[in-house]
């Protein structure tokens, strides 16, 4: 069982930045792929980014590419989502997710392909 604990988020003005973190409770992410998703009220869950802990391969959704960066902090065993130039339409609940993988190029973009989820954190961008 993998438990993910999220931190960060909150209220920011348009054009601002936020940093979200996702830590695994009691284990390492080696051999896992990490994903970030968001869900706004009345909308479907949206893929944002994925990262392979082993090798560091990444993937981004076209809708946010250039404004967000997914990275890992080996020392803290944490995955970070840095979001810049935020817009009101970025307002949503953000989730991290993970699953065990055996292919270092596998970067799933569907939430159905992840097994474990963080508790979610609210991001609100004011205009």
C-alpha atoms as a PDB file:
ATOM      1  CA  UNK A   1       0.000   0.000   0.000  1.00  0.00           C
ATOM      2  CA  UNK A   2       1.305   3.407  -0.976  1.00  0.00           C
ATOM      3  CA  UNK A   3       0.139   6.523   0.811  1.00  0.00           C
ATOM      4  CA  UNK A   4       0.650   9.868  -0.850  1.00  0.00           C
ATOM      5  CA  UNK A   5       0.639  13.077   1.131  1.00  0.00           C
ATOM      6  CA  UNK A   6       0.220  16.342  -0.717  1.00  0.00           C
ATOM      7  CA  UNK A   7       1.193  19.822   0.377  1.00  0.00           C
ATOM      8  CA  UNK A   8       1.145  23.272  -1.146  1.00  0.00           C
ATOM      9  CA  UNK A   9      -1.631  24.944  -3.043  1.00  0.00           C
ATOM     10  CA  UNK A  10      -3.820  27.804  -1.894  1.00  0.00           C
ATOM     11  CA  UNK A  11      -4.905  31.152  -3.268  1.00  0.00           C
ATOM     12  CA  UNK A  12      -2.808  33.111  -5.755  1.00  0.00           C
ATOM     13  CA  UNK A  13      -3.384  36.008  -8.110  1.00  0.00           C
ATOM     14  CA  UNK A  14      -3.334  35.526 -11.857  1.00  0.00           C
ATOM     15  CA  UNK A  15       0.227  35.532 -13.121  1.00  0.00           C
ATOM     16  CA  UNK A  16       1.551  34.134  -9.878  1.00  0.00           C
ATOM     17  CA  UNK A  17       3.218  30.823  -9.091  1.00  0.00           C
ATOM     18  CA  UNK A  18       2.563  27.884  -6.830  1.00  0.00           C
ATOM     19  CA  UNK A  19       4.477  24.775  -5.883  1.00  0.00           C
ATOM     20  CA  UNK A  20       2.745  21.520  -5.059  1.00  0.00           C
ATOM     21  CA  UNK A  21       4.512  18.615  -3.396  1.00  0.00           C
ATOM     22  CA  UNK A  22       3.680  14.933  -3.122  1.00  0.00           C
ATOM     23  CA  UNK A  23       5.492  12.637  -0.722  1.00  0.00           C
ATOM     24  CA  UNK A  24       5.257   8.899  -0.274  1.00  0.00           C
ATOM     25  CA  UNK A  25       4.631   7.768   3.260  1.00  0.00           C
ATOM     26  CA  UNK A  26       7.159   5.212   4.356  1.00  0.00           C
ATOM     27  CA  UNK A  27       8.560   4.213   1.003  1.00  0.00           C
ATOM     28  CA  UNK A  28      10.619   5.312  -1.955  1.00  0.00           C
ATOM     29  CA  UNK A  29       9.325   6.132  -5.399  1.00  0.00           C
ATOM     30  CA  UNK A  30      11.993   4.041  -7.139  1.00  0.00           C
ATOM     31  CA  UNK A  31      10.256   1.926  -9.767  1.00  0.00           C
ATOM     32  CA  UNK A  32       7.176   4.114  -9.794  1.00  0.00           C
ATOM     33  CA  UNK A  33       5.696   6.665 -12.164  1.00  0.00           C
ATOM     34  CA  UNK A  34       4.198   9.820 -10.682  1.00  0.00           C
ATOM     35  CA  UNK A  35       1.370  11.784 -12.211  1.00  0.00           C
ATOM     36  CA  UNK A  36      -0.354  15.065 -11.512  1.00  0.00           C
ATOM     37  CA  UNK A  37      -3.997  15.657 -12.368  1.00  0.00           C
ATOM     38  CA  UNK A  38      -6.587  18.298 -11.636  1.00  0.00           C
ATOM     39  CA  UNK A  39     -10.341  18.488 -11.565  1.00  0.00           C
ATOM     40  CA  UNK A  40     -12.362  21.674 -11.722  1.00  0.00           C
ATOM     41  CA  UNK A  41     -16.014  21.805 -10.651  1.00  0.00           C
ATOM     42  CA  UNK A  42     -18.245  20.319 -13.290  1.00  0.00           C
ATOM     43  CA  UNK A  43     -15.313  19.155 -15.409  1.00  0.00           C
ATOM     44  CA  UNK A  44     -13.564  15.862 -15.993  1.00  0.00           C
ATOM     45  CA  UNK A  45     -10.267  15.007 -14.412  1.00  0.00           C
ATOM     46  CA  UNK A  46      -7.400  16.386 -16.500  1.00  0.00           C
ATOM     47  CA  UNK A  47      -3.891  15.006 -16.882  1.00  0.00           C
ATOM     48  CA  UNK A  48      -1.129  17.548 -16.322  1.00  0.00           C
ATOM     49  CA  UNK A  49       2.231  15.814 -16.103  1.00  0.00           C
ATOM     50  CA  UNK A  50       3.969  12.537 -15.371  1.00  0.00           C
ATOM     51  CA  UNK A  51       7.460  11.584 -14.266  1.00  0.00           C
ATOM     52  CA  UNK A  52       9.319   8.295 -14.129  1.00  0.00           C
ATOM     53  CA  UNK A  53      11.245   8.242 -10.866  1.00  0.00           C
ATOM     54  CA  UNK A  54      13.852   5.890 -12.367  1.00  0.00           C
ATOM     55  CA  UNK A  55      15.409   7.710 -15.302  1.00  0.00           C
ATOM     56  CA  UNK A  56      13.488  10.944 -14.904  1.00  0.00           C
ATOM     57  CA  UNK A  57      11.482  10.803 -18.139  1.00  0.00           C
ATOM     58  CA  UNK A  58       8.620  13.287 -18.178  1.00  0.00           C
ATOM     59  CA  UNK A  59       5.445  14.011 -20.110  1.00  0.00           C
ATOM     60  CA  UNK A  60       3.202  17.079 -20.127  1.00  0.00           C
ATOM     61  CA  UNK A  61      -0.262  17.935 -21.311  1.00  0.00           C
ATOM     62  CA  UNK A  62      -0.195  20.364 -24.218  1.00  0.00           C
ATOM     63  CA  UNK A  63      -2.637  22.630 -22.390  1.00  0.00           C
ATOM     64  CA  UNK A  64      -0.114  23.435 -19.642  1.00  0.00           C
ATOM     65  CA  UNK A  65       3.226  22.779 -21.308  1.00  0.00           C
ATOM     66  CA  UNK A  66       5.586  25.649 -20.742  1.00  0.00           C
ATOM     67  CA  UNK A  67       3.847  26.787 -17.564  1.00  0.00           C
ATOM     68  CA  UNK A  68       4.355  23.770 -15.350  1.00  0.00           C
ATOM     69  CA  UNK A  69       7.347  21.621 -14.455  1.00  0.00           C
ATOM     70  CA  UNK A  70       7.332  18.239 -12.751  1.00  0.00           C
ATOM     71  CA  UNK A  71      10.472  17.268 -10.899  1.00  0.00           C
ATOM     72  CA  UNK A  72      11.739  15.032  -8.124  1.00  0.00           C
ATOM     73  CA  UNK A  73      13.567  15.735  -4.920  1.00  0.00           C
ATOM     74  CA  UNK A  74      15.563  12.604  -4.209  1.00  0.00           C
ATOM     75  CA  UNK A  75      16.619  13.710  -0.752  1.00  0.00           C
ATOM     76  CA  UNK A  76      13.031  14.305   0.348  1.00  0.00           C
ATOM     77  CA  UNK A  77      11.510  11.476  -1.716  1.00  0.00           C
ATOM     78  CA  UNK A  78       9.062  13.996  -3.076  1.00  0.00           C
ATOM     79  CA  UNK A  79       7.643  14.905  -6.458  1.00  0.00           C
ATOM     80  CA  UNK A  80       7.066  18.578  -7.101  1.00  0.00           C
ATOM     81  CA  UNK A  81       4.779  20.375  -9.522  1.00  0.00           C
ATOM     82  CA  UNK A  82       5.904  23.941 -10.124  1.00  0.00           C
ATOM     83  CA  UNK A  83       3.216  26.084 -11.730  1.00  0.00           C
ATOM     84  CA  UNK A  84       3.945  29.507 -13.175  1.00  0.00           C
ATOM     85  CA  UNK A  85       1.910  32.232 -14.857  1.00  0.00           C
ATOM     86  CA  UNK A  86      -1.250  30.857 -13.319  1.00  0.00           C
ATOM     87  CA  UNK A  87      -4.619  31.737 -14.799  1.00  0.00           C
ATOM     88  CA  UNK A  88      -8.117  31.738 -13.296  1.00  0.00           C
ATOM     89  CA  UNK A  89      -8.931  28.688 -15.398  1.00  0.00           C
ATOM     90  CA  UNK A  90      -6.243  26.787 -13.488  1.00  0.00           C
ATOM     91  CA  UNK A  91      -8.521  26.837 -10.448  1.00  0.00           C
ATOM     92  CA  UNK A  92      -9.165  23.228  -9.471  1.00  0.00           C
ATOM     93  CA  UNK A  93      -8.379  20.496  -6.991  1.00  0.00           C
ATOM     94  CA  UNK A  94      -4.983  19.056  -7.820  1.00  0.00           C
ATOM     95  CA  UNK A  95      -4.067  15.422  -7.228  1.00  0.00           C
ATOM     96  CA  UNK A  96      -0.877  13.414  -7.376  1.00  0.00           C
ATOM     97  CA  UNK A  97      -1.004   9.743  -8.226  1.00  0.00           C
ATOM     98  CA  UNK A  98       1.364   6.837  -8.638  1.00  0.00           C
ATOM     99  CA  UNK A  99       1.708   3.266  -9.788  1.00  0.00           C
ATOM    100  CA  UNK A 100       4.424   0.663 -10.031  1.00  0.00           C
ATOM    101  CA  UNK A 101       5.954   0.358 -13.490  1.00  0.00           C
ATOM    102  CA  UNK A 102       8.455  -1.936 -15.193  1.00  0.00           C
ATOM    103  CA  UNK A 103       8.998   0.108 -18.348  1.00  0.00           C
ATOM    104  CA  UNK A 104      10.995   3.291 -17.864  1.00  0.00           C
ATOM    105  CA  UNK A 105       9.368   4.958 -20.875  1.00  0.00           C
ATOM    106  CA  UNK A 106       5.805   4.325 -19.687  1.00  0.00           C
ATOM    107  CA  UNK A 107       4.183   7.630 -18.779  1.00  0.00           C
ATOM    108  CA  UNK A 108       0.437   7.077 -18.449  1.00  0.00           C
ATOM    109  CA  UNK A 109      -1.888  10.024 -19.042  1.00  0.00           C
ATOM    110  CA  UNK A 110      -5.132   8.459 -17.880  1.00  0.00           C
ATOM    111  CA  UNK A 111      -6.143   8.510 -14.250  1.00  0.00           C
ATOM    112  CA  UNK A 112      -7.486   4.994 -14.630  1.00  0.00           C
ATOM    113  CA  UNK A 113      -3.909   3.793 -15.063  1.00  0.00           C
ATOM    114  CA  UNK A 114      -2.844   4.932 -11.594  1.00  0.00           C
ATOM    115  CA  UNK A 115      -3.372   2.927  -8.431  1.00  0.00           C
ATOM    116  CA  UNK A 116      -2.709   5.318  -5.575  1.00  0.00           C
ATOM    117  CA  UNK A 117      -3.834   8.893  -5.092  1.00  0.00           C
ATOM    118  CA  UNK A 118      -3.067  11.805  -2.836  1.00  0.00           C
ATOM    119  CA  UNK A 119      -5.736  13.570  -0.831  1.00  0.00           C
ATOM    120  CA  UNK A 120      -6.021  16.504  -3.229  1.00  0.00           C
ATOM    121  CA  UNK A 121      -5.235  20.151  -2.685  1.00  0.00           C
ATOM    122  CA  UNK A 122      -7.206  23.214  -3.729  1.00  0.00           C
ATOM    123  CA  UNK A 123      -5.623  25.764  -6.034  1.00  0.00           C
ATOM    124  CA  UNK A 124      -7.550  28.973  -6.561  1.00  0.00           C
ATOM    125  CA  UNK A 125      -6.370  31.641  -8.975  1.00  0.00           C
ATOM    126  CA  UNK A 126      -8.023  35.040  -8.682  1.00  0.00           C
ATOM    127  CA  UNK A 127      -8.283  37.442 -11.596  1.00  0.00           C
END
